[in-house]
N, C-alpha and C. Protein backbone atom coordinates (compact mmCIF):
# COMPACT_ATOMS: atom_id res chain seq x y z
N MET A 1 -39.27 50.14 33.02
CA MET A 1 -40.22 49.60 32.09
C MET A 1 -41.62 49.59 32.71
N ILE A 2 -41.71 49.16 33.95
CA ILE A 2 -43.01 49.13 34.62
C ILE A 2 -43.57 50.54 34.74
N LYS A 3 -42.73 51.48 35.12
CA LYS A 3 -43.17 52.87 35.30
C LYS A 3 -43.77 53.42 34.01
N ARG A 4 -43.14 53.15 32.89
CA ARG A 4 -43.64 53.67 31.61
C ARG A 4 -44.88 52.93 31.12
N LEU A 5 -44.92 51.63 31.30
CA LEU A 5 -46.05 50.87 30.77
C LEU A 5 -47.33 51.05 31.58
N THR A 6 -47.20 51.38 32.86
CA THR A 6 -48.40 51.58 33.67
C THR A 6 -49.13 52.87 33.32
N LYS A 7 -48.52 53.74 32.52
CA LYS A 7 -49.18 54.97 32.09
C LYS A 7 -50.23 54.71 31.02
N PHE A 8 -50.15 53.56 30.35
CA PHE A 8 -51.08 53.24 29.28
C PHE A 8 -52.34 52.57 29.82
N ASN A 9 -53.39 52.69 29.05
CA ASN A 9 -54.63 51.98 29.36
C ASN A 9 -54.32 50.48 29.31
N SER A 10 -54.72 49.75 30.32
CA SER A 10 -54.36 48.32 30.40
C SER A 10 -54.95 47.50 29.26
N SER A 11 -55.99 47.97 28.62
CA SER A 11 -56.57 47.21 27.52
C SER A 11 -55.70 47.29 26.26
N TRP A 12 -54.77 48.21 26.19
CA TRP A 12 -53.89 48.34 25.03
C TRP A 12 -52.81 47.27 25.00
N ILE A 13 -52.35 46.84 26.18
CA ILE A 13 -51.24 45.89 26.26
C ILE A 13 -51.79 44.50 26.52
N LYS A 14 -51.59 43.62 25.57
CA LYS A 14 -52.08 42.24 25.69
C LYS A 14 -50.94 41.28 26.02
N THR A 15 -49.81 41.44 25.32
CA THR A 15 -48.65 40.57 25.52
C THR A 15 -47.38 41.42 25.42
N ILE A 16 -46.30 40.88 25.96
CA ILE A 16 -45.00 41.51 25.84
C ILE A 16 -44.00 40.42 25.46
N THR A 17 -43.21 40.69 24.42
CA THR A 17 -42.18 39.75 24.01
C THR A 17 -40.82 40.34 24.34
N PHE A 18 -40.04 39.58 25.08
CA PHE A 18 -38.72 40.03 25.52
C PHE A 18 -37.63 39.39 24.69
N ASP A 19 -36.52 40.09 24.62
CA ASP A 19 -35.31 39.53 24.06
C ASP A 19 -34.73 38.57 25.11
N ASN A 20 -33.88 37.67 24.72
CA ASN A 20 -33.29 36.72 25.66
C ASN A 20 -32.06 37.32 26.34
N GLY A 21 -32.29 38.14 27.32
CA GLY A 21 -31.19 38.77 28.04
C GLY A 21 -31.43 38.72 29.53
N LYS A 22 -30.36 38.78 30.29
CA LYS A 22 -30.50 38.70 31.74
C LYS A 22 -31.17 39.94 32.33
N GLU A 23 -31.26 41.03 31.54
CA GLU A 23 -31.94 42.22 32.03
C GLU A 23 -33.44 42.01 32.19
N PHE A 24 -33.97 40.92 31.64
CA PHE A 24 -35.39 40.61 31.77
C PHE A 24 -35.63 39.45 32.73
N ALA A 25 -34.73 39.24 33.65
CA ALA A 25 -34.83 38.12 34.59
C ALA A 25 -36.09 38.20 35.45
N LYS A 26 -36.57 39.39 35.72
CA LYS A 26 -37.76 39.53 36.56
C LYS A 26 -39.00 39.82 35.72
N HIS A 27 -39.09 39.17 34.58
CA HIS A 27 -40.22 39.36 33.67
C HIS A 27 -41.54 39.01 34.32
N TYR A 28 -41.52 38.08 35.26
CA TYR A 28 -42.75 37.66 35.93
C TYR A 28 -43.37 38.79 36.74
N GLU A 29 -42.56 39.69 37.28
CA GLU A 29 -43.09 40.83 38.02
C GLU A 29 -43.86 41.77 37.08
N ILE A 30 -43.34 41.98 35.91
CA ILE A 30 -44.02 42.82 34.92
C ILE A 30 -45.33 42.17 34.51
N ALA A 31 -45.30 40.86 34.28
CA ALA A 31 -46.50 40.13 33.87
C ALA A 31 -47.58 40.20 34.94
N GLU A 32 -47.21 40.04 36.19
CA GLU A 32 -48.20 40.09 37.27
C GLU A 32 -48.79 41.48 37.43
N LEU A 33 -47.95 42.49 37.41
CA LEU A 33 -48.42 43.85 37.61
C LEU A 33 -49.34 44.32 36.48
N LEU A 34 -48.96 44.05 35.25
CA LEU A 34 -49.74 44.50 34.11
C LEU A 34 -50.82 43.50 33.69
N LYS A 35 -50.79 42.31 34.27
CA LYS A 35 -51.73 41.25 33.94
C LYS A 35 -51.71 40.93 32.44
N VAL A 36 -50.51 40.66 31.94
CA VAL A 36 -50.31 40.31 30.54
C VAL A 36 -49.51 39.01 30.45
N ARG A 37 -49.55 38.40 29.30
CA ARG A 37 -48.72 37.22 29.05
C ARG A 37 -47.39 37.69 28.50
N THR A 38 -46.32 37.03 28.90
CA THR A 38 -45.00 37.40 28.42
C THR A 38 -44.40 36.24 27.63
N TYR A 39 -43.62 36.59 26.63
CA TYR A 39 -42.97 35.60 25.77
C TYR A 39 -41.52 36.01 25.58
N PHE A 40 -40.71 35.06 25.15
CA PHE A 40 -39.31 35.31 24.83
C PHE A 40 -39.06 34.89 23.39
N THR A 41 -38.13 35.57 22.75
CA THR A 41 -37.76 35.17 21.40
C THR A 41 -37.03 33.84 21.46
N ARG A 42 -37.09 33.10 20.37
CA ARG A 42 -36.37 31.83 20.31
C ARG A 42 -34.91 32.12 20.02
N PRO A 43 -34.01 31.48 20.75
CA PRO A 43 -32.58 31.73 20.51
C PRO A 43 -32.19 31.42 19.07
N TYR A 44 -31.35 32.26 18.51
CA TYR A 44 -30.80 32.08 17.16
C TYR A 44 -31.87 32.09 16.06
N THR A 45 -32.99 32.76 16.32
CA THR A 45 -34.03 32.89 15.32
C THR A 45 -34.14 34.36 14.96
N SER A 46 -33.54 34.74 13.87
CA SER A 46 -33.41 36.15 13.52
C SER A 46 -34.74 36.84 13.28
N GLN A 47 -35.75 36.14 12.75
CA GLN A 47 -37.02 36.80 12.49
C GLN A 47 -37.72 37.23 13.78
N ASP A 48 -37.55 36.48 14.86
CA ASP A 48 -38.12 36.90 16.15
C ASP A 48 -37.43 38.17 16.63
N LYS A 49 -36.14 38.19 16.56
CA LYS A 49 -35.36 39.34 17.02
C LYS A 49 -35.73 40.59 16.22
N GLY A 50 -35.87 40.46 14.93
CA GLY A 50 -36.24 41.60 14.10
C GLY A 50 -37.59 42.17 14.45
N THR A 51 -38.55 41.29 14.72
CA THR A 51 -39.88 41.75 15.09
C THR A 51 -39.85 42.50 16.40
N VAL A 52 -39.12 41.98 17.37
CA VAL A 52 -39.00 42.64 18.67
C VAL A 52 -38.36 44.01 18.50
N GLU A 53 -37.27 44.08 17.74
CA GLU A 53 -36.59 45.36 17.54
C GLU A 53 -37.49 46.35 16.81
N ASN A 54 -38.29 45.88 15.87
CA ASN A 54 -39.22 46.74 15.16
C ASN A 54 -40.24 47.32 16.13
N ARG A 55 -40.80 46.51 16.98
CA ARG A 55 -41.80 46.97 17.96
C ARG A 55 -41.20 47.95 18.95
N ILE A 56 -39.97 47.69 19.36
CA ILE A 56 -39.30 48.62 20.28
C ILE A 56 -39.15 49.98 19.60
N GLY A 57 -38.81 49.99 18.33
CA GLY A 57 -38.70 51.24 17.59
C GLY A 57 -40.02 51.99 17.53
N VAL A 58 -41.11 51.25 17.31
CA VAL A 58 -42.44 51.88 17.27
C VAL A 58 -42.79 52.47 18.64
N ILE A 59 -42.51 51.73 19.69
CA ILE A 59 -42.80 52.21 21.04
C ILE A 59 -41.99 53.47 21.35
N ARG A 60 -40.73 53.48 20.97
CA ARG A 60 -39.88 54.63 21.27
C ARG A 60 -40.34 55.89 20.54
N ARG A 61 -41.00 55.73 19.41
CA ARG A 61 -41.52 56.89 18.71
C ARG A 61 -42.62 57.59 19.50
N PHE A 62 -43.38 56.82 20.26
CA PHE A 62 -44.52 57.37 20.97
C PHE A 62 -44.25 57.68 22.44
N ILE A 63 -43.21 57.10 23.01
CA ILE A 63 -42.84 57.39 24.40
C ILE A 63 -41.55 58.18 24.36
N LEU A 64 -41.66 59.45 24.62
CA LEU A 64 -40.49 60.30 24.56
C LEU A 64 -39.63 60.13 25.82
N ARG A 65 -38.35 60.13 25.62
CA ARG A 65 -37.43 60.02 26.75
C ARG A 65 -37.22 61.39 27.36
N LYS A 66 -37.12 61.40 28.67
CA LYS A 66 -36.82 62.66 29.36
C LYS A 66 -35.32 62.85 29.37
N PRO A 67 -34.86 64.08 29.18
CA PRO A 67 -33.41 64.32 29.24
C PRO A 67 -32.86 64.00 30.61
N THR A 68 -31.68 63.41 30.66
CA THR A 68 -31.07 63.06 31.94
C THR A 68 -30.17 64.14 32.43
């Protein structure tokens, strides 16, 4: 995540909202490196989850994955 986000102009990224998963345990490292505020979705609040998933879909459209 850090590798991909550092390719963007830092003025484009203001905040990052994470899903509530253990895979984001080191969210503070991302926040420090990119100098952004980080947030988490509220547990059991479906509208937060939907917004995060929508944004992830938008991001994936513009950041192409390299074949493995």
